[in-house]
């Protein structure tokens, strides 16, 4: 736990140099995109596993800092945020890159802000959303949800290509270290001041003159800080906190009563996992899978809020990245990354350990499964690919050198 506290300080407080390495791979189309620890973006061919030598950003003579949050990839663009610190003063840059030729989609190249951006980004139409810590030299614990326009300059009239991309921002009481989850016209996120917020993203919501407070639809207060990004599905929000609780919140009833802070046992539940919850849970067939920094992994029935396994699974190391459900023939599995080493494979039905993907290094980001393969970004700066059926490593790329692992 002391090691984790040091890691948190290095990553998020700003009084030590940030190191990155938490960004997960992003499969999209024929490519798998990866953010590197040195703050760059590159991609490999999903069929051959070879890096695309013609696609990388930024150019070698530029550095934007390090990337923690997983980039967001659409058909036309890759969005990412990087930051760097000098002492306790940090500067972040948010940028948009063409998937076609790896050039900036904005004439100003990036959106700059004096803060840290740790969590993943989210997209709502042409609005990019992300959470921050305090801004500039302000030493308070306030955080913000930022909304910026991501429209490419090529799609704007000349007169609109110069100006501030900021649309609005919402001030909240605590730093936002996790990313927002979008459902319809609402963004949901947790903060370090032990609150979950729901923010109205619609054009009719008021954001002028009140630091965005008119956009807050509701908030829920717990006993522990929130770092995990929420999971929203079927009208419910699922999130864990540093008090060791995993919550199910009903988003519709809370919107009808924005002042409610207590759980409604008819629609909501909380269950004690006994350890800090850092990552987003995974949901499959009515069961919620969540890991803790104590190395425990749980399955919870979403209908009853009760444990579905006879006992929790135990892995070596902490669960920092979100687990991933493995599809395909054979025993249904759950891939759980370990901050110590390897990706553990658990039986979805019982929690029994089935084996592992041998990464030979810690994995802090979520492993990502697609088309019979699982991709993982390990802490030793490698993008590793495993065949799910055999669990064998079939490809490995050094993310800093953009070449085969030695």
Protein backbone atom coordinates (compact mmCIF):
# COMPACT_ATOMS: atom_id res chain seq x y z
CA UNK A 1 0.00 0.00 0.00
CA UNK A 2 2.88 2.38 0.73
CA UNK A 3 4.23 1.69 -2.75
CA UNK A 4 0.86 2.59 -4.20
CA UNK A 5 0.71 5.84 -2.26
CA UNK A 6 4.09 6.77 -3.75
CA UNK A 7 2.77 5.87 -7.20
CA UNK A 8 -0.30 8.03 -6.68
CA UNK A 9 1.87 10.93 -5.60
CA UNK A 10 4.11 10.57 -8.64
CA UNK A 11 1.23 10.28 -11.04
CA UNK A 12 -1.27 12.76 -9.80
CA UNK A 13 -0.15 15.17 -7.12
CA UNK A 14 2.55 16.71 -9.27
CA UNK A 15 5.38 16.91 -6.70
CA UNK A 16 7.28 14.12 -8.46
CA UNK A 17 7.91 13.44 -12.13
CA UNK A 18 4.97 11.59 -13.74
CA UNK A 19 5.86 8.29 -15.40
CA UNK A 20 2.79 7.16 -17.33
CA UNK A 21 2.29 3.60 -18.52
CA UNK A 22 -1.35 3.13 -17.53
CA UNK A 23 -2.89 3.63 -20.98
CA UNK A 24 -4.54 0.52 -22.42
CA UNK A 25 -4.31 -0.57 -26.07
CA UNK A 26 -7.19 0.56 -28.32
CA UNK A 27 -8.18 -1.77 -31.18
CA UNK A 28 -9.92 0.20 -33.96
CA UNK A 29 -10.48 -1.03 -37.49
CA UNK A 30 -7.33 -2.69 -38.83
CA UNK A 31 -5.10 -1.11 -36.19
CA UNK A 32 -4.28 -1.28 -32.49
CA UNK A 33 -3.34 2.13 -31.07
CA UNK A 34 -1.07 2.59 -28.07
CA UNK A 35 0.01 5.59 -25.98
CA UNK A 36 3.57 5.26 -24.76
CA UNK A 37 5.18 6.25 -21.48
CA UNK A 38 7.09 9.03 -23.24
CA UNK A 39 3.84 10.70 -24.31
CA UNK A 40 3.60 9.53 -27.91
CA UNK A 41 1.05 7.67 -30.00
CA UNK A 42 1.74 4.83 -32.40
CA UNK A 43 -0.13 1.88 -33.84
CA UNK A 44 0.42 -1.68 -35.01
CA UNK A 45 -1.29 -3.62 -37.77
CA UNK A 46 -3.83 -5.91 -36.07
CA UNK A 47 -3.24 -8.59 -38.72
CA UNK A 48 0.58 -8.66 -38.86
CA UNK A 49 1.48 -7.15 -35.48
CA UNK A 50 3.98 -4.80 -37.13
CA UNK A 51 4.24 -1.10 -36.20
CA UNK A 52 3.03 1.39 -38.79
CA UNK A 53 6.27 3.25 -39.56
CA UNK A 54 4.34 6.04 -41.32
CA UNK A 55 2.03 6.83 -38.38
CA UNK A 56 3.27 8.35 -35.11
CA UNK A 57 2.56 11.50 -33.12
CA UNK A 58 3.96 13.94 -32.12
CA UNK A 59 7.05 14.31 -34.34
CA UNK A 60 10.30 13.13 -32.79
CA UNK A 61 11.44 16.68 -32.00
CA UNK A 62 8.38 17.40 -29.84
CA UNK A 63 7.32 16.20 -26.41
CA UNK A 64 3.98 16.78 -24.72
CA UNK A 65 4.66 14.96 -21.44
CA UNK A 66 3.39 11.56 -20.38
CA UNK A 67 0.03 9.93 -21.04
CA UNK A 68 -1.94 8.18 -18.30
CA UNK A 69 -5.48 7.96 -19.65
CA UNK A 70 -6.28 5.59 -22.51
CA UNK A 71 -6.64 7.51 -25.81
CA UNK A 72 -10.02 7.72 -27.47
CA UNK A 73 -10.17 6.58 -31.09
CA UNK A 74 -12.89 7.29 -33.67
CA UNK A 75 -12.94 6.59 -37.38
CA UNK A 76 -11.23 9.89 -38.15
CA UNK A 77 -9.35 10.93 -35.02
CA UNK A 78 -7.31 9.88 -32.03
CA UNK A 79 -7.76 12.07 -28.93
CA UNK A 80 -5.22 12.01 -26.12
CA UNK A 81 -4.03 14.07 -23.14
CA UNK A 82 -0.47 14.34 -21.84
CA UNK A 83 1.06 16.35 -19.01
CA UNK A 84 4.42 17.20 -17.50
CA UNK A 85 5.43 18.81 -14.19
CA UNK A 86 8.13 21.05 -12.79
CA UNK A 87 7.93 20.70 -9.06
CA UNK A 88 4.26 21.03 -8.16
CA UNK A 89 3.36 22.98 -11.30
CA UNK A 90 1.93 20.86 -14.09
CA UNK A 91 0.94 21.61 -17.66
CA UNK A 92 -1.39 19.43 -19.73
CA UNK A 93 -2.08 19.31 -23.45
CA UNK A 94 -5.09 17.74 -25.14
CA UNK A 95 -4.76 17.00 -28.83
CA UNK A 96 -6.51 15.46 -31.82
CA UNK A 97 -4.65 13.47 -34.46
CA UNK A 98 -5.84 12.22 -37.85
CA UNK A 99 -6.10 8.44 -38.12
CA UNK A 100 -5.23 8.84 -41.78
CA UNK A 101 -1.83 10.56 -41.67
CA UNK A 102 -1.07 11.31 -37.98
CA UNK A 103 -1.27 15.08 -38.44
CA UNK A 104 -2.94 17.47 -36.02
CA UNK A 105 -6.59 18.21 -36.77
CA UNK A 106 -6.33 21.59 -35.04
CA UNK A 107 -4.34 24.56 -36.32
CA UNK A 108 -3.32 25.46 -32.76
CA UNK A 109 -2.10 21.83 -32.42
CA UNK A 110 -3.38 21.31 -28.86
CA UNK A 111 -5.56 22.66 -26.06
CA UNK A 112 -3.32 23.71 -23.16
CA UNK A 113 -4.24 23.94 -19.50
CA UNK A 114 -2.13 24.18 -16.32
CA UNK A 115 -3.23 21.04 -14.51
CA UNK A 116 -2.91 17.25 -14.51
CA UNK A 117 -5.17 15.07 -16.66
CA UNK A 118 -4.99 11.48 -15.42
CA UNK A 119 -8.18 9.71 -16.48
CA UNK A 120 -9.42 8.70 -19.94
CA UNK A 121 -11.30 11.09 -22.24
CA UNK A 122 -14.93 10.83 -23.34
CA UNK A 123 -16.76 12.09 -26.41
CA UNK A 124 -20.30 13.49 -26.70
CA UNK A 125 -21.02 14.54 -30.26
CA UNK A 126 -18.28 17.05 -31.12
CA UNK A 127 -17.55 17.74 -27.46
CA UNK A 128 -14.56 16.16 -25.72
CA UNK A 129 -14.84 15.77 -21.95
CA UNK A 130 -12.13 15.18 -19.36
CA UNK A 131 -11.50 15.66 -15.66
CA UNK A 132 -8.73 17.72 -14.07
CA UNK A 133 -7.15 18.58 -10.76
CA UNK A 134 -6.91 22.21 -9.60
CA UNK A 135 -5.92 24.77 -12.23
CA UNK A 136 -2.66 26.72 -12.35
CA UNK A 137 -1.09 27.72 -9.06
CA UNK A 138 -4.34 27.35 -7.16
CA UNK A 139 -3.51 25.04 -4.25
CA UNK A 140 -7.08 24.12 -3.31
CA UNK A 141 -8.48 20.62 -3.86
CA UNK A 142 -11.04 21.67 -6.46
CA UNK A 143 -11.30 19.81 -9.74
CA UNK A 144 -13.17 20.41 -12.97
CA UNK A 145 -15.01 18.66 -15.76
CA UNK A 146 -13.90 20.34 -18.99
CA UNK A 147 -15.81 20.35 -22.28
CA UNK A 148 -13.98 21.42 -25.44
CA UNK A 149 -14.91 21.56 -29.11
CA UNK A 150 -13.10 18.92 -31.17
CA UNK A 151 -14.30 19.98 -34.62
CA UNK A 152 -11.43 19.66 -37.09
CA UNK A 153 -10.32 22.92 -38.70
CA UNK A 154 -10.96 21.44 -42.12
CA UNK A 155 -14.65 21.36 -41.21
CA UNK A 156 -14.77 25.00 -40.04
CA UNK A 157 -15.09 28.30 -41.92
CA UNK A 158 -11.84 30.30 -41.91
CA UNK A 159 -13.25 32.84 -39.45
CA UNK A 160 -13.88 30.13 -36.86
CA UNK A 161 -10.46 28.49 -37.00
CA UNK A 162 -8.94 30.89 -34.50
CA UNK A 163 -10.35 30.99 -30.99
CA UNK A 164 -10.77 29.16 -27.72
CA UNK A 165 -11.97 25.57 -27.97
CA UNK A 166 -13.35 25.69 -24.44
CA UNK A 167 -17.12 25.30 -24.39
CA UNK A 168 -17.68 25.22 -20.65
CA UNK A 169 -16.34 23.76 -17.45
CA UNK A 170 -17.98 22.57 -14.24
CA UNK A 171 -16.24 23.08 -10.92
CA UNK A 172 -16.50 20.26 -8.38
CA UNK A 173 -15.20 20.04 -4.83
CA UNK A 174 -12.51 17.40 -5.40
CA UNK A 175 -9.87 16.49 -7.95
CA UNK A 176 -11.07 14.32 -10.83
CA UNK A 177 -8.58 11.48 -11.35
CA UNK A 178 -10.93 9.10 -13.15
CA UNK A 179 -12.55 9.73 -16.51
CA UNK A 180 -16.21 10.47 -17.18
CA UNK A 181 -18.66 7.86 -18.45
CA UNK A 182 -21.26 9.12 -20.93
CA UNK A 183 -24.83 7.85 -21.11
CA UNK A 184 -27.20 9.84 -23.30
CA UNK A 185 -26.84 13.52 -22.43
CA UNK A 186 -25.24 12.93 -19.03
CA UNK A 187 -21.63 12.54 -17.89
CA UNK A 188 -20.94 10.58 -14.69
CA UNK A 189 -17.66 10.71 -12.76
CA UNK A 190 -16.24 10.44 -9.27
CA UNK A 191 -13.92 12.77 -7.37
CA UNK A 192 -11.36 12.62 -4.60
CA UNK A 193 -13.76 14.43 -2.26
CA UNK A 194 -15.87 11.24 -2.08
CA UNK A 195 -18.61 12.34 -4.48
CA UNK A 196 -20.11 10.94 -7.67
CA UNK A 197 -21.44 13.65 -9.99
CA UNK A 198 -23.98 13.58 -12.81
CA UNK A 199 -23.54 16.50 -15.23
CA UNK A 200 -26.06 17.52 -17.89
CA UNK A 201 -24.40 17.76 -21.31
CA UNK A 202 -27.41 19.02 -23.26
CA UNK A 203 -27.42 22.40 -24.95
CA UNK A 204 -30.31 23.55 -22.76
CA UNK A 205 -28.30 23.17 -19.55
CA UNK A 206 -26.97 26.37 -18.01
CA UNK A 207 -23.22 26.78 -17.67
CA UNK A 208 -22.73 30.55 -17.76
CA UNK A 209 -21.85 32.69 -14.76
CA UNK A 210 -21.96 30.01 -12.08
CA UNK A 211 -18.83 27.95 -12.83
CA UNK A 212 -21.08 25.38 -14.45
CA UNK A 213 -23.06 24.54 -11.32
CA UNK A 214 -26.31 24.68 -13.27
CA UNK A 215 -25.23 21.58 -15.17
CA UNK A 216 -24.96 19.38 -12.07
CA UNK A 217 -28.03 17.13 -12.11
CA UNK A 218 -27.19 15.29 -8.87
CA UNK A 219 -24.37 14.01 -6.74
CA UNK A 220 -23.91 11.15 -4.33
CA UNK A 221 -21.54 11.25 -1.35
CA UNK A 222 -19.78 8.18 0.05
CA UNK A 223 -17.21 7.56 2.78
CA UNK A 224 -14.29 7.04 0.38
CA UNK A 225 -12.57 8.83 -2.50
CA UNK A 226 -13.42 7.81 -6.06
CA UNK A 227 -10.69 7.13 -8.62
CA UNK A 228 -12.42 4.51 -10.77
CA UNK A 229 -14.38 5.53 -13.85
CA UNK A 230 -18.06 4.57 -13.46
CA UNK A 231 -19.75 1.90 -15.53
CA UNK A 232 -23.27 2.84 -16.65
CA UNK A 233 -25.62 0.16 -17.98
CA UNK A 234 -29.36 -0.48 -17.88
CA UNK A 235 -30.17 2.71 -16.01
CA UNK A 236 -27.67 1.87 -13.24
CA UNK A 237 -24.28 3.30 -12.35
CA UNK A 238 -21.59 1.04 -10.86
CA UNK A 239 -18.48 2.40 -9.14
CA UNK A 240 -16.11 1.49 -6.30
CA UNK A 241 -14.34 3.76 -3.82
CA UNK A 242 -11.38 3.90 -1.44
CA UNK A 243 -13.61 2.89 1.47
CA UNK A 244 -13.81 -0.53 -0.17
CA UNK A 245 -17.44 -0.22 -1.23
CA UNK A 246 -18.91 -1.09 -4.61
CA UNK A 247 -22.10 0.84 -5.39
CA UNK A 248 -25.07 0.46 -7.66
CA UNK A 249 -26.88 3.79 -8.11
CA UNK A 250 -30.15 4.32 -9.98
CA UNK A 251 -29.57 7.23 -12.35
CA UNK A 252 -33.21 7.95 -13.15
CA UNK A 253 -34.47 8.18 -9.58
CA UNK A 254 -31.46 10.30 -8.58
CA UNK A 255 -32.10 12.74 -11.40
CA UNK A 256 -35.67 13.12 -10.15
CA UNK A 257 -34.32 13.91 -6.66
CA UNK A 258 -31.00 15.69 -7.13
CA UNK A 259 -30.51 16.27 -3.39
CA UNK A 260 -30.61 12.59 -2.40
CA UNK A 261 -27.40 11.30 -0.78
CA UNK A 262 -28.66 8.11 0.83
CA UNK A 263 -29.12 4.77 -0.88
CA UNK A 264 -32.63 3.72 -1.85
CA UNK A 265 -32.70 -0.02 -0.96
CA UNK A 266 -35.52 -0.60 -3.44
CA UNK A 267 -33.32 0.38 -6.39
CA UNK A 268 -29.73 0.58 -5.14
CA UNK A 269 -27.14 -1.29 -3.10
CA UNK A 270 -23.64 -1.12 -1.67
CA UNK A 271 -21.38 -4.08 -0.94
CA UNK A 272 -18.10 -4.15 0.98
CA UNK A 273 -15.13 -5.54 -0.96
CA UNK A 274 -12.65 -4.96 1.87
CA UNK A 275 -10.05 -3.10 -0.20
CA UNK A 276 -9.57 0.06 -2.24
CA UNK A 277 -11.26 -0.07 -5.64
CA UNK A 278 -9.11 1.64 -8.27
CA UNK A 279 -10.55 0.43 -11.57
CA UNK A 280 -13.82 0.28 -13.46
CA UNK A 281 -15.74 -2.99 -13.05
CA UNK A 282 -16.71 -5.31 -15.90
CA UNK A 283 -20.29 -6.43 -16.54
CA UNK A 284 -21.39 -9.66 -18.20
CA UNK A 285 -24.71 -11.53 -18.12
CA UNK A 286 -25.96 -9.89 -14.92
CA UNK A 287 -22.71 -10.27 -13.00
CA UNK A 288 -20.36 -7.45 -12.08
CA UNK A 289 -16.63 -8.21 -11.76
CA UNK A 290 -14.42 -5.92 -9.68
CA UNK A 291 -10.90 -6.06 -8.28
CA UNK A 292 -9.22 -4.30 -5.36
CA UNK A 293 -5.77 -3.09 -4.42
CA UNK A 294 -5.65 -5.96 -1.91
CA UNK A 295 -5.54 -8.36 -4.89
CA UNK A 296 -9.07 -9.69 -4.40
CA UNK A 297 -11.49 -10.13 -7.31
CA UNK A 298 -15.25 -10.40 -6.76
CA UNK A 299 -18.33 -11.31 -8.77
CA UNK A 300 -21.51 -9.54 -7.67
CA UNK A 301 -25.05 -10.24 -8.82
CA UNK A 302 -26.39 -6.87 -10.00
CA UNK A 303 -30.01 -7.76 -9.25
CA UNK A 304 -29.46 -8.61 -5.58
CA UNK A 305 -26.17 -6.90 -4.74
CA UNK A 306 -24.83 -10.16 -3.31
CA UNK A 307 -21.62 -12.05 -3.97
CA UNK A 308 -21.96 -14.60 -6.77
CA UNK A 309 -18.81 -16.66 -6.03
CA UNK A 310 -18.39 -18.76 -2.90
CA UNK A 311 -15.28 -16.73 -2.09
CA UNK A 312 -13.29 -14.00 -3.82
CA UNK A 313 -10.48 -14.90 -6.17
CA UNK A 314 -6.99 -13.89 -5.04
CA UNK A 315 -4.21 -12.74 -7.35
CA UNK A 316 -0.64 -11.71 -6.58
CA UNK A 317 -0.38 -7.94 -6.83
CA UNK A 318 -2.89 -5.11 -6.99
CA UNK A 319 -5.72 -4.71 -9.50
CA UNK A 320 -5.17 -1.26 -10.99
CA UNK A 321 -6.44 -1.90 -14.52
CA UNK A 322 -10.00 -2.99 -15.20
CA UNK A 323 -10.64 -6.71 -15.81
CA UNK A 324 -11.72 -7.90 -19.25
CA UNK A 325 -14.19 -10.65 -20.13
CA UNK A 326 -12.79 -13.25 -22.55
CA UNK A 327 -15.22 -14.40 -25.23
CA UNK A 328 -14.97 -17.53 -27.35
CA UNK A 329 -14.94 -21.32 -27.00
CA UNK A 330 -13.91 -23.06 -23.81
CA UNK A 331 -14.41 -22.05 -20.21
CA UNK A 332 -15.62 -18.43 -20.00
CA UNK A 333 -12.81 -16.38 -18.49
CA UNK A 334 -11.95 -13.08 -16.88
CA UNK A 335 -8.56 -11.48 -17.59
CA UNK A 336 -7.29 -9.59 -14.53
CA UNK A 337 -4.10 -7.48 -14.78
CA UNK A 338 -1.63 -7.59 -11.89
CA UNK A 339 0.58 -4.74 -10.69
CA UNK A 340 3.15 -7.39 -9.81
CA UNK A 341 3.28 -9.54 -12.94
CA UNK A 342 1.14 -11.25 -15.58
CA UNK A 343 -2.55 -11.20 -16.44
CA UNK A 344 -4.48 -13.75 -14.41
CA UNK A 345 -7.29 -15.77 -15.97
CA UNK A 346 -10.26 -16.59 -13.75
CA UNK A 347 -13.28 -18.80 -14.35
CA UNK A 348 -16.24 -16.42 -14.77
CA UNK A 349 -18.57 -18.89 -13.04
CA UNK A 350 -16.51 -19.79 -9.97
CA UNK A 351 -13.55 -17.42 -9.69
CA UNK A 352 -11.10 -20.32 -9.84
CA UNK A 353 -7.71 -19.52 -11.37
CA UNK A 354 -7.43 -21.05 -14.84
CA UNK A 355 -3.95 -19.79 -15.73
CA UNK A 356 -2.27 -16.61 -16.88
CA UNK A 357 -0.95 -14.64 -19.80
CA UNK A 358 2.73 -14.44 -18.97
CA UNK A 359 3.63 -10.77 -19.53
CA UNK A 360 6.83 -11.05 -17.44
CA UNK A 361 6.06 -7.58 -16.09
CA UNK A 362 3.38 -5.62 -14.27
CA UNK A 363 0.27 -4.52 -16.15
CA UNK A 364 -1.39 -1.34 -14.87
CA UNK A 365 -3.78 -0.79 -17.78
CA UNK A 366 -6.81 -2.81 -18.82
CA UNK A 367 -6.10 -5.80 -21.09
CA UNK A 368 -8.23 -5.63 -24.24
CA UNK A 369 -9.65 -8.67 -26.03
CA UNK A 370 -10.59 -8.74 -29.72
CA UNK A 371 -10.85 -11.39 -32.45
CA UNK A 372 -9.29 -14.17 -30.42
CA UNK A 373 -6.38 -12.11 -29.13
CA UNK A 374 -5.71 -10.11 -25.99
CA UNK A 375 -3.58 -6.98 -26.03
CA UNK A 376 -1.77 -5.61 -22.99
CA UNK A 377 0.53 -2.66 -22.28
CA UNK A 378 3.00 -3.72 -19.60
CA UNK A 379 4.94 -1.48 -17.26
CA UNK A 380 8.22 -2.36 -18.97
CA UNK A 381 7.02 -0.44 -22.04
CA UNK A 382 5.86 -3.37 -24.14
CA UNK A 383 2.69 -3.84 -26.17
CA UNK A 384 2.12 -7.59 -25.92
CA UNK A 385 -0.33 -9.76 -27.86
CA UNK A 386 -1.52 -13.18 -26.69
CA UNK A 387 -3.67 -15.83 -28.37
CA UNK A 388 -6.61 -16.41 -26.03
CA UNK A 389 -6.99 -20.08 -27.04
CA UNK A 390 -3.39 -21.12 -26.30
CA UNK A 391 -2.41 -18.28 -23.91
CA UNK A 392 0.84 -18.02 -25.87
CA UNK A 393 2.46 -14.67 -26.56
CA UNK A 394 2.41 -14.18 -30.32
CA UNK A 395 3.74 -10.64 -30.64
CA UNK A 396 5.66 -8.09 -28.59
CA UNK A 397 6.55 -4.50 -29.50
CA UNK A 398 8.82 -2.22 -27.49
CA UNK A 399 6.64 0.89 -27.27
CA UNK A 400 9.56 3.30 -26.89
CA UNK A 401 11.70 1.90 -29.73
CA UNK A 402 8.67 0.93 -31.87
CA UNK A 403 10.35 -2.36 -32.68
CA UNK A 404 10.30 -5.99 -31.64
CA UNK A 405 11.01 -6.72 -27.99
CA UNK A 406 14.53 -7.85 -27.26
